Amino acid sequence: MTGQPLRDTSDGIYDDGEWISWDWINGHIADQELRGEFPNANLQVVKIFQDLVALAEAYKLETGRYLQIWGELGELYAEIKFGVVRHRPGTQGSDGRMGNDWVEVKTISPEKLSEAIQVKRAGNFNKLLVVKISEDFDFDARLIDRKRLRKGKGKHAKTQWSEHPAPEGNDSAP
Protein backbone atom coordinates (compact mmCIF):
# COMPACT_ATOMS: atom_id res chain seq x y z
CA MET A 1 0.00 0.00 0.00
CA THR A 2 2.79 2.43 0.81
CA GLY A 3 5.14 1.35 -1.95
CA GLN A 4 7.98 1.04 0.57
CA PRO A 5 9.75 -2.32 0.93
CA LEU A 6 9.62 -3.68 4.47
CA ARG A 7 12.78 -5.23 5.90
CA ASP A 8 10.86 -7.47 8.27
CA THR A 9 7.35 -7.99 9.58
CA SER A 10 7.88 -5.65 12.54
CA ASP A 11 8.17 -2.67 10.13
CA GLY A 12 4.42 -2.68 9.51
CA ILE A 13 1.14 -4.51 9.69
CA TYR A 14 -0.66 -6.70 7.20
CA ASP A 15 -4.21 -5.59 6.46
CA ASP A 16 -6.62 -6.46 3.68
CA GLY A 17 -3.97 -8.25 1.66
CA GLU A 18 -1.35 -5.47 1.87
CA TRP A 19 1.54 -4.49 4.08
CA ILE A 20 1.23 -1.03 5.66
CA SER A 21 4.39 0.48 7.14
CA TRP A 22 4.48 2.06 10.58
CA ASP A 23 6.11 5.14 9.02
CA TRP A 24 3.05 5.59 6.80
CA ILE A 25 0.66 5.11 9.73
CA ASN A 26 2.64 7.47 11.99
CA GLY A 27 2.79 10.05 9.20
CA HIS A 28 -1.00 10.05 8.99
CA ILE A 29 -1.31 10.38 12.77
CA ALA A 30 1.11 13.33 12.74
CA ASP A 31 -0.90 14.97 9.93
CA GLN A 32 -4.13 14.52 11.93
CA GLU A 33 -2.52 16.20 14.95
CA LEU A 34 -1.35 19.12 12.78
CA ARG A 35 -4.82 19.37 11.23
CA GLY A 36 -6.27 19.59 14.77
CA GLU A 37 -3.93 22.45 15.70
CA PHE A 38 -4.09 24.25 12.35
CA PRO A 39 -7.49 23.22 10.93
CA ASN A 40 -7.60 25.57 7.94
CA ALA A 41 -3.92 25.69 7.01
CA ASN A 42 -2.07 24.03 4.17
CA LEU A 43 -0.25 21.18 5.95
CA GLN A 44 2.82 21.56 3.73
CA VAL A 45 3.12 25.23 4.79
CA VAL A 46 2.71 24.18 8.45
CA LYS A 47 5.54 21.65 8.05
CA ILE A 48 7.76 24.24 6.36
CA PHE A 49 7.02 26.67 9.21
CA GLN A 50 7.97 24.01 11.77
CA ASP A 51 11.17 23.25 9.84
CA LEU A 52 12.09 26.96 9.76
CA VAL A 53 11.50 27.26 13.52
CA ALA A 54 13.60 24.13 14.17
CA LEU A 55 16.42 25.45 11.96
CA ALA A 56 16.34 28.87 13.65
CA GLU A 57 16.49 27.15 17.04
CA ALA A 58 19.37 24.88 15.94
CA TYR A 59 21.26 27.89 14.57
CA LYS A 60 20.84 29.70 17.91
CA LEU A 61 22.10 26.66 19.82
CA GLU A 62 25.11 26.27 17.50
CA THR A 63 26.18 29.91 17.15
CA GLY A 64 24.63 31.72 20.10
CA ARG A 65 23.02 34.14 17.62
CA TYR A 66 19.49 34.40 16.30
CA LEU A 67 18.65 34.24 12.62
CA GLN A 68 16.94 37.51 11.70
CA ILE A 69 13.78 35.99 10.25
CA TRP A 70 11.31 37.15 12.90
CA GLY A 71 8.96 39.06 10.61
CA GLU A 72 8.59 36.17 8.21
CA LEU A 73 8.04 33.67 11.04
CA GLY A 74 5.39 35.97 12.54
CA GLU A 75 3.59 36.31 9.21
CA LEU A 76 3.75 32.55 8.55
CA TYR A 77 2.33 31.93 12.03
CA ALA A 78 -0.49 34.39 11.28
CA GLU A 79 -1.16 32.53 8.04
CA ILE A 80 -1.33 29.02 9.51
CA LYS A 81 -2.86 29.78 12.92
CA PHE A 82 -5.31 32.57 12.06
CA GLY A 83 -5.94 32.00 8.37
CA VAL A 84 -4.44 35.31 7.24
CA VAL A 85 -4.18 35.33 3.45
CA ARG A 86 -0.98 37.26 2.85
CA HIS A 87 -0.58 39.90 0.17
CA ARG A 88 2.15 39.76 -2.42
CA PRO A 89 5.53 40.94 -1.11
CA GLY A 90 5.88 44.72 -1.10
CA THR A 91 2.16 45.47 -0.85
CA GLN A 92 1.70 48.69 1.13
CA GLY A 93 -0.74 49.24 4.00
CA SER A 94 -1.29 45.78 5.47
CA ASP A 95 0.15 42.28 5.41
CA GLY A 96 -2.97 40.36 4.43
CA ARG A 97 -6.65 39.66 4.86
CA MET A 98 -8.58 37.59 7.35
CA GLY A 99 -12.13 37.33 6.10
CA ASN A 100 -13.24 40.91 5.45
CA ASP A 101 -10.54 42.41 7.68
CA TRP A 102 -7.25 43.93 6.57
CA VAL A 103 -4.54 42.68 8.93
CA GLU A 104 -1.17 44.17 9.87
CA VAL A 105 1.19 41.62 11.49
CA LYS A 106 3.86 42.73 13.96
CA THR A 107 6.32 40.36 15.58
CA ILE A 108 7.97 40.68 19.00
CA SER A 109 11.25 38.75 18.90
CA PRO A 110 13.06 37.29 21.92
CA GLU A 111 15.78 39.89 21.33
CA LYS A 112 13.43 42.80 21.89
CA LEU A 113 13.89 44.30 25.34
CA SER A 114 10.35 45.66 25.65
CA GLU A 115 6.94 44.43 24.63
CA ALA A 116 6.03 47.71 22.96
CA ILE A 117 4.51 47.58 19.50
CA GLN A 118 4.53 50.45 17.06
CA VAL A 119 2.49 50.55 13.85
CA LYS A 120 2.07 53.23 11.19
CA ARG A 121 -1.23 55.08 11.52
CA ALA A 122 -1.32 55.51 7.74
CA GLY A 123 -1.54 51.74 7.26
CA ASN A 124 -4.65 50.32 5.63
CA PHE A 125 -5.66 47.79 8.29
CA ASN A 126 -8.45 47.32 10.79
CA LYS A 127 -6.88 44.45 12.78
CA LEU A 128 -3.41 44.29 14.28
CA LEU A 129 -2.09 40.78 14.87
CA VAL A 130 0.87 40.79 17.25
CA VAL A 131 2.94 37.60 17.33
CA LYS A 132 5.32 37.11 20.24
CA ILE A 133 8.16 34.60 19.98
CA SER A 134 9.82 33.48 23.22
CA GLU A 135 13.49 32.57 23.75
CA ASP A 136 12.35 28.93 23.57
CA PHE A 137 10.72 29.58 20.17
CA ASP A 138 7.19 29.30 21.54
CA PHE A 139 4.63 31.41 19.69
CA ASP A 140 1.72 33.40 21.10
CA ALA A 141 -0.47 36.01 19.46
CA ARG A 142 -2.99 38.77 20.15
CA LEU A 143 -5.54 40.04 17.63
CA ILE A 144 -6.29 43.71 18.34
CA ASP A 145 -8.98 45.89 16.76
CA ARG A 146 -7.46 49.06 15.38
CA LYS A 147 -9.95 51.13 17.37
CA ARG A 148 -8.35 49.76 20.58
CA LEU A 149 -5.04 51.44 19.72
CA ARG A 150 -4.30 54.72 21.46
CA LYS A 151 -5.42 57.88 19.73
CA GLY A 152 -2.83 60.44 18.78
CA LYS A 153 -1.44 62.64 16.05
CA GLY A 154 1.98 61.10 15.49
CA LYS A 155 2.95 58.89 12.56
CA HIS A 156 2.82 55.78 14.71
CA ALA A 157 0.30 54.22 17.08
CA LYS A 158 1.86 52.47 20.06
CA THR A 159 0.60 49.77 22.36
CA GLN A 160 1.95 47.18 24.79
CA TRP A 161 1.58 43.41 24.63
CA SER A 162 0.43 43.37 28.27
CA GLU A 163 -2.47 45.76 27.48
CA HIS A 164 -4.17 43.04 25.46
CA PRO A 165 -4.86 39.87 27.45
CA ALA A 166 -5.01 36.51 25.70
CA PRO A 167 -8.48 35.28 24.79
CA GLU A 168 -9.76 32.18 26.56
CA GLY A 169 -8.30 28.99 25.09
CA ASN A 170 -5.44 30.74 23.27
CA ASP A 171 -2.61 28.22 22.98
CA SER A 172 1.01 28.79 22.14
CA ALA A 173 2.47 26.76 19.32
CA PRO A 174 5.78 26.23 17.58
C-alpha atoms as a PDB file:
ATOM      1  CA  MET A   1       0.000   0.000   0.000  1.00  0.00           C
ATOM      2  CA  THR A   2       2.794   2.433   0.811  1.00  0.00           C
ATOM      3  CA  GLY A   3       5.144   1.351  -1.946  1.00  0.00           C
ATOM      4  CA  GLN A   4       7.983   1.036   0.567  1.00  0.00           C
ATOM      5  CA  PRO A   5       9.747  -2.317   0.934  1.00  0.00           C
ATOM      6  CA  LEU A   6       9.615  -3.682   4.472  1.00  0.00           C
ATOM      7  CA  ARG A   7      12.782  -5.229   5.899  1.00  0.00           C
ATOM      8  CA  ASP A   8      10.863  -7.475   8.268  1.00  0.00           C
ATOM      9  CA  THR A   9       7.348  -7.989   9.581  1.00  0.00           C
ATOM     10  CA  SER A  10       7.881  -5.647  12.543  1.00  0.00           C
ATOM     11  CA  ASP A  11       8.166  -2.667  10.127  1.00  0.00           C
ATOM     12  CA  GLY A  12       4.417  -2.676   9.514  1.00  0.00           C
ATOM     13  CA  ILE A  13       1.139  -4.510   9.689  1.00  0.00           C
ATOM     14  CA  TYR A  14      -0.659  -6.705   7.204  1.00  0.00           C
ATOM     15  CA  ASP A  15      -4.210  -5.594   6.461  1.00  0.00           C
ATOM     16  CA  ASP A  16      -6.625  -6.458   3.677  1.00  0.00           C
ATOM     17  CA  GLY A  17      -3.970  -8.249   1.656  1.00  0.00           C
ATOM     18  CA  GLU A  18      -1.353  -5.470   1.869  1.00  0.00           C
ATOM     19  CA  TRP A  19       1.542  -4.486   4.078  1.00  0.00           C
ATOM     20  CA  ILE A  20       1.234  -1.032   5.660  1.00  0.00           C
ATOM     21  CA  SER A  21       4.395   0.479   7.142  1.00  0.00           C
ATOM     22  CA  TRP A  22       4.480   2.062  10.584  1.00  0.00           C
ATOM     23  CA  ASP A  23       6.106   5.137   9.021  1.00  0.00           C
ATOM     24  CA  TRP A  24       3.053   5.588   6.797  1.00  0.00           C
ATOM     25  CA  ILE A  25       0.664   5.113   9.731  1.00  0.00           C
ATOM     26  CA  ASN A  26       2.644   7.467  11.989  1.00  0.00           C
ATOM     27  CA  GLY A  27       2.787  10.048   9.195  1.00  0.00           C
ATOM     28  CA  HIS A  28      -1.003  10.049   8.989  1.00  0.00           C
ATOM     29  CA  ILE A  29      -1.311  10.376  12.766  1.00  0.00           C
ATOM     30  CA  ALA A  30       1.109  13.330  12.743  1.00  0.00           C
ATOM     31  CA  ASP A  31      -0.901  14.966   9.930  1.00  0.00           C
ATOM     32  CA  GLN A  32      -4.132  14.521  11.935  1.00  0.00           C
ATOM     33  CA  GLU A  33      -2.522  16.200  14.950  1.00  0.00           C
ATOM     34  CA  LEU A  34      -1.354  19.118  12.778  1.00  0.00           C
ATOM     35  CA  ARG A  35      -4.817  19.374  11.233  1.00  0.00           C
ATOM     36  CA  GLY A  36      -6.271  19.590  14.765  1.00  0.00           C
ATOM     37  CA  GLU A  37      -3.932  22.448  15.700  1.00  0.00           C
ATOM     38  CA  PHE A  38      -4.087  24.255  12.349  1.00  0.00           C
ATOM     39  CA  PRO A  39      -7.491  23.220  10.928  1.00  0.00           C
ATOM     40  CA  ASN A  40      -7.597  25.569   7.939  1.00  0.00           C
ATOM     41  CA  ALA A  41      -3.924  25.692   7.009  1.00  0.00           C
ATOM     42  CA  ASN A  42      -2.071  24.027   4.165  1.00  0.00           C
ATOM     43  CA  LEU A  43      -0.249  21.181   5.951  1.00  0.00           C
ATOM     44  CA  GLN A  44       2.818  21.563   3.730  1.00  0.00           C
ATOM     45  CA  VAL A  45       3.118  25.227   4.789  1.00  0.00           C
ATOM     46  CA  VAL A  46       2.715  24.176   8.451  1.00  0.00           C
ATOM     47  CA  LYS A  47       5.541  21.647   8.052  1.00  0.00           C
ATOM     48  CA  ILE A  48       7.758  24.236   6.355  1.00  0.00           C
ATOM     49  CA  PHE A  49       7.017  26.670   9.206  1.00  0.00           C
ATOM     50  CA  GLN A  50       7.967  24.014  11.770  1.00  0.00           C
ATOM     51  CA  ASP A  51      11.167  23.248   9.844  1.00  0.00           C
ATOM     52  CA  LEU A  52      12.087  26.963   9.764  1.00  0.00           C
ATOM     53  CA  VAL A  53      11.503  27.260  13.519  1.00  0.00           C
ATOM     54  CA  ALA A  54      13.598  24.130  14.167  1.00  0.00           C
ATOM     55  CA  LEU A  55      16.421  25.451  11.961  1.00  0.00           C
ATOM     56  CA  ALA A  56      16.340  28.866  13.652  1.00  0.00           C
ATOM     57  CA  GLU A  57      16.493  27.154  17.044  1.00  0.00           C
ATOM     58  CA  ALA A  58      19.365  24.878  15.942  1.00  0.00           C
ATOM     59  CA  TYR A  59      21.256  27.888  14.571  1.00  0.00           C
ATOM     60  CA  LYS A  60      20.835  29.701  17.909  1.00  0.00           C
ATOM     61  CA  LEU A  61      22.102  26.664  19.818  1.00  0.00           C
ATOM     62  CA  GLU A  62      25.106  26.267  17.497  1.00  0.00           C
ATOM     63  CA  THR A  63      26.182  29.909  17.148  1.00  0.00           C
ATOM     64  CA  GLY A  64      24.626  31.717  20.099  1.00  0.00           C
ATOM     65  CA  ARG A  65      23.017  34.140  17.621  1.00  0.00           C
ATOM     66  CA  TYR A  66      19.491  34.397  16.305  1.00  0.00           C
ATOM     67  CA  LEU A  67      18.646  34.245  12.617  1.00  0.00           C
ATOM     68  CA  GLN A  68      16.942  37.506  11.701  1.00  0.00           C
ATOM     69  CA  ILE A  69      13.779  35.993  10.249  1.00  0.00           C
ATOM     70  CA  TRP A  70      11.311  37.148  12.905  1.00  0.00           C
ATOM     71  CA  GLY A  71       8.961  39.064  10.615  1.00  0.00           C
ATOM     72  CA  GLU A  72       8.594  36.169   8.207  1.00  0.00           C
ATOM     73  CA  LEU A  73       8.044  33.674  11.042  1.00  0.00           C
ATOM     74  CA  GLY A  74       5.391  35.970  12.537  1.00  0.00           C
ATOM     75  CA  GLU A  75       3.589  36.305   9.211  1.00  0.00           C
ATOM     76  CA  LEU A  76       3.753  32.549   8.553  1.00  0.00           C
ATOM     77  CA  TYR A  77       2.327  31.930  12.034  1.00  0.00           C
ATOM     78  CA  ALA A  78      -0.494  34.393  11.279  1.00  0.00           C
ATOM     79  CA  GLU A  79      -1.160  32.527   8.040  1.00  0.00           C
ATOM     80  CA  ILE A  80      -1.331  29.025   9.512  1.00  0.00           C
ATOM     81  CA  LYS A  81      -2.863  29.778  12.919  1.00  0.00           C
ATOM     82  CA  PHE A  82      -5.312  32.572  12.064  1.00  0.00           C
ATOM     83  CA  GLY A  83      -5.944  32.001   8.370  1.00  0.00           C
ATOM     84  CA  VAL A  84      -4.441  35.312   7.239  1.00  0.00           C
ATOM     85  CA  VAL A  85      -4.178  35.327   3.449  1.00  0.00           C
ATOM     86  CA  ARG A  86      -0.983  37.259   2.848  1.00  0.00           C
ATOM     87  CA  HIS A  87      -0.577  39.904   0.174  1.00  0.00           C
ATOM     88  CA  ARG A  88       2.153  39.755  -2.420  1.00  0.00           C
ATOM     89  CA  PRO A  89       5.535  40.939  -1.106  1.00  0.00           C
ATOM     90  CA  GLY A  90       5.884  44.718  -1.096  1.00  0.00           C
ATOM     91  CA  THR A  91       2.156  45.472  -0.850  1.00  0.00           C
ATOM     92  CA  GLN A  92       1.696  48.687   1.132  1.00  0.00           C
ATOM     93  CA  GLY A  93      -0.736  49.236   3.999  1.00  0.00           C
ATOM     94  CA  SER A  94      -1.286  45.777   5.465  1.00  0.00           C
ATOM     95  CA  ASP A  95       0.154  42.279   5.407  1.00  0.00           C
ATOM     96  CA  GLY A  96      -2.973  40.356   4.435  1.00  0.00           C
ATOM     97  CA  ARG A  97      -6.648  39.659   4.857  1.00  0.00           C
ATOM     98  CA  MET A  98      -8.578  37.589   7.348  1.00  0.00           C
ATOM     99  CA  GLY A  99     -12.132  37.326   6.100  1.00  0.00           C
ATOM    100  CA  ASN A 100     -13.238  40.912   5.448  1.00  0.00           C
ATOM    101  CA  ASP A 101     -10.544  42.408   7.679  1.00  0.00           C
ATOM    102  CA  TRP A 102      -7.248  43.927   6.566  1.00  0.00           C
ATOM    103  CA  VAL A 103      -4.539  42.683   8.928  1.00  0.00           C
ATOM    104  CA  GLU A 104      -1.170  44.167   9.870  1.00  0.00           C
ATOM    105  CA  VAL A 105       1.190  41.623  11.486  1.00  0.00           C
ATOM    106  CA  LYS A 106       3.860  42.734  13.958  1.00  0.00           C
ATOM    107  CA  THR A 107       6.323  40.358  15.583  1.00  0.00           C
ATOM    108  CA  ILE A 108       7.974  40.677  18.997  1.00  0.00           C
ATOM    109  CA  SER A 109      11.251  38.745  18.895  1.00  0.00           C
ATOM    110  CA  PRO A 110      13.057  37.287  21.917  1.00  0.00           C
ATOM    111  CA  GLU A 111      15.785  39.890  21.334  1.00  0.00           C
ATOM    112  CA  LYS A 112      13.434  42.802  21.886  1.00  0.00           C
ATOM    113  CA  LEU A 113      13.891  44.300  25.345  1.00  0.00           C
ATOM    114  CA  SER A 114      10.347  45.663  25.651  1.00  0.00           C
ATOM    115  CA  GLU A 115       6.938  44.425  24.630  1.00  0.00           C
ATOM    116  CA  ALA A 116       6.029  47.708  22.961  1.00  0.00           C
ATOM    117  CA  ILE A 117       4.508  47.579  19.503  1.00  0.00           C
ATOM    118  CA  GLN A 118       4.526  50.451  17.056  1.00  0.00           C
ATOM    119  CA  VAL A 119       2.486  50.551  13.851  1.00  0.00           C
ATOM    120  CA  LYS A 120       2.071  53.235  11.191  1.00  0.00           C
ATOM    121  CA  ARG A 121      -1.227  55.077  11.522  1.00  0.00           C
ATOM    122  CA  ALA A 122      -1.319  55.512   7.737  1.00  0.00           C
ATOM    123  CA  GLY A 123      -1.545  51.740   7.260  1.00  0.00           C
ATOM    124  CA  ASN A 124      -4.646  50.317   5.634  1.00  0.00           C
ATOM    125  CA  PHE A 125      -5.662  47.787   8.293  1.00  0.00           C
ATOM    126  CA  ASN A 126      -8.453  47.318  10.793  1.00  0.00           C
ATOM    127  CA  LYS A 127      -6.876  44.451  12.782  1.00  0.00           C
ATOM    128  CA  LEU A 128      -3.411  44.286  14.282  1.00  0.00           C
ATOM    129  CA  LEU A 129      -2.087  40.781  14.872  1.00  0.00           C
ATOM    130  CA  VAL A 130       0.874  40.792  17.249  1.00  0.00           C
ATOM    131  CA  VAL A 131       2.936  37.597  17.330  1.00  0.00           C
ATOM    132  CA  LYS A 132       5.320  37.106  20.244  1.00  0.00           C
ATOM    133  CA  ILE A 133       8.161  34.597  19.982  1.00  0.00           C
ATOM    134  CA  SER A 134       9.824  33.481  23.216  1.00  0.00           C
ATOM    135  CA  GLU A 135      13.486  32.571  23.745  1.00  0.00           C
ATOM    136  CA  ASP A 136      12.346  28.932  23.566  1.00  0.00           C
ATOM    137  CA  PHE A 137      10.724  29.577  20.168  1.00  0.00           C
ATOM    138  CA  ASP A 138       7.194  29.304  21.537  1.00  0.00           C
ATOM    139  CA  PHE A 139       4.632  31.415  19.689  1.00  0.00           C
ATOM    140  CA  ASP A 140       1.715  33.395  21.098  1.00  0.00           C
ATOM    141  CA  ALA A 141      -0.468  36.012  19.459  1.00  0.00           C
ATOM    142  CA  ARG A 142      -2.994  38.769  20.148  1.00  0.00           C
ATOM    143  CA  LEU A 143      -5.537  40.042  17.633  1.00  0.00           C
ATOM    144  CA  ILE A 144      -6.294  43.705  18.337  1.00  0.00           C
ATOM    145  CA  ASP A 145      -8.976  45.886  16.761  1.00  0.00           C
ATOM    146  CA  ARG A 146      -7.460  49.064  15.376  1.00  0.00           C
ATOM    147  CA  LYS A 147      -9.954  51.132  17.373  1.00  0.00           C
ATOM    148  CA  ARG A 148      -8.354  49.764  20.583  1.00  0.00           C
ATOM    149  CA  LEU A 149      -5.042  51.437  19.723  1.00  0.00           C
ATOM    150  CA  ARG A 150      -4.299  54.717  21.465  1.00  0.00           C
ATOM    151  CA  LYS A 151      -5.419  57.883  19.733  1.00  0.00           C
ATOM    152  CA  GLY A 152      -2.830  60.443  18.779  1.00  0.00           C
ATOM    153  CA  LYS A 153      -1.444  62.640  16.051  1.00  0.00           C
ATOM    154  CA  GLY A 154       1.984  61.098  15.487  1.00  0.00           C
ATOM    155  CA  LYS A 155       2.949  58.890  12.558  1.00  0.00           C
ATOM    156  CA  HIS A 156       2.816  55.778  14.711  1.00  0.00           C
ATOM    157  CA  ALA A 157       0.296  54.218  17.077  1.00  0.00           C
ATOM    158  CA  LYS A 158       1.855  52.469  20.058  1.00  0.00           C
ATOM    159  CA  THR A 159       0.598  49.774  22.359  1.00  0.00           C
ATOM    160  CA  GLN A 160       1.952  47.182  24.791  1.00  0.00           C
ATOM    161  CA  TRP A 161       1.583  43.407  24.635  1.00  0.00           C
ATOM    162  CA  SER A 162       0.429  43.373  28.273  1.00  0.00           C
ATOM    163  CA  GLU A 163      -2.467  45.758  27.485  1.00  0.00           C
ATOM    164  CA  HIS A 164      -4.168  43.042  25.459  1.00  0.00           C
ATOM    165  CA  PRO A 165      -4.858  39.866  27.451  1.00  0.00           C
ATOM    166  CA  ALA A 166      -5.007  36.514  25.701  1.00  0.00           C
ATOM    167  CA  PRO A 167      -8.476  35.285  24.793  1.00  0.00           C
ATOM    168  CA  GLU A 168      -9.761  32.182  26.557  1.00  0.00           C
ATOM    169  CA  GLY A 169      -8.296  28.993  25.091  1.00  0.00           C
ATOM    170  CA  ASN A 170      -5.440  30.742  23.268  1.00  0.00           C
ATOM    171  CA  ASP A 171      -2.607  28.221  22.983  1.00  0.00           C
ATOM    172  CA  SER A 172       1.012  28.786  22.138  1.00  0.00           C
ATOM    173  CA  ALA A 173       2.467  26.756  19.318  1.00  0.00           C
ATOM    174  CA  PRO A 174       5.776  26.230  17.577  1.00  0.00           C
END
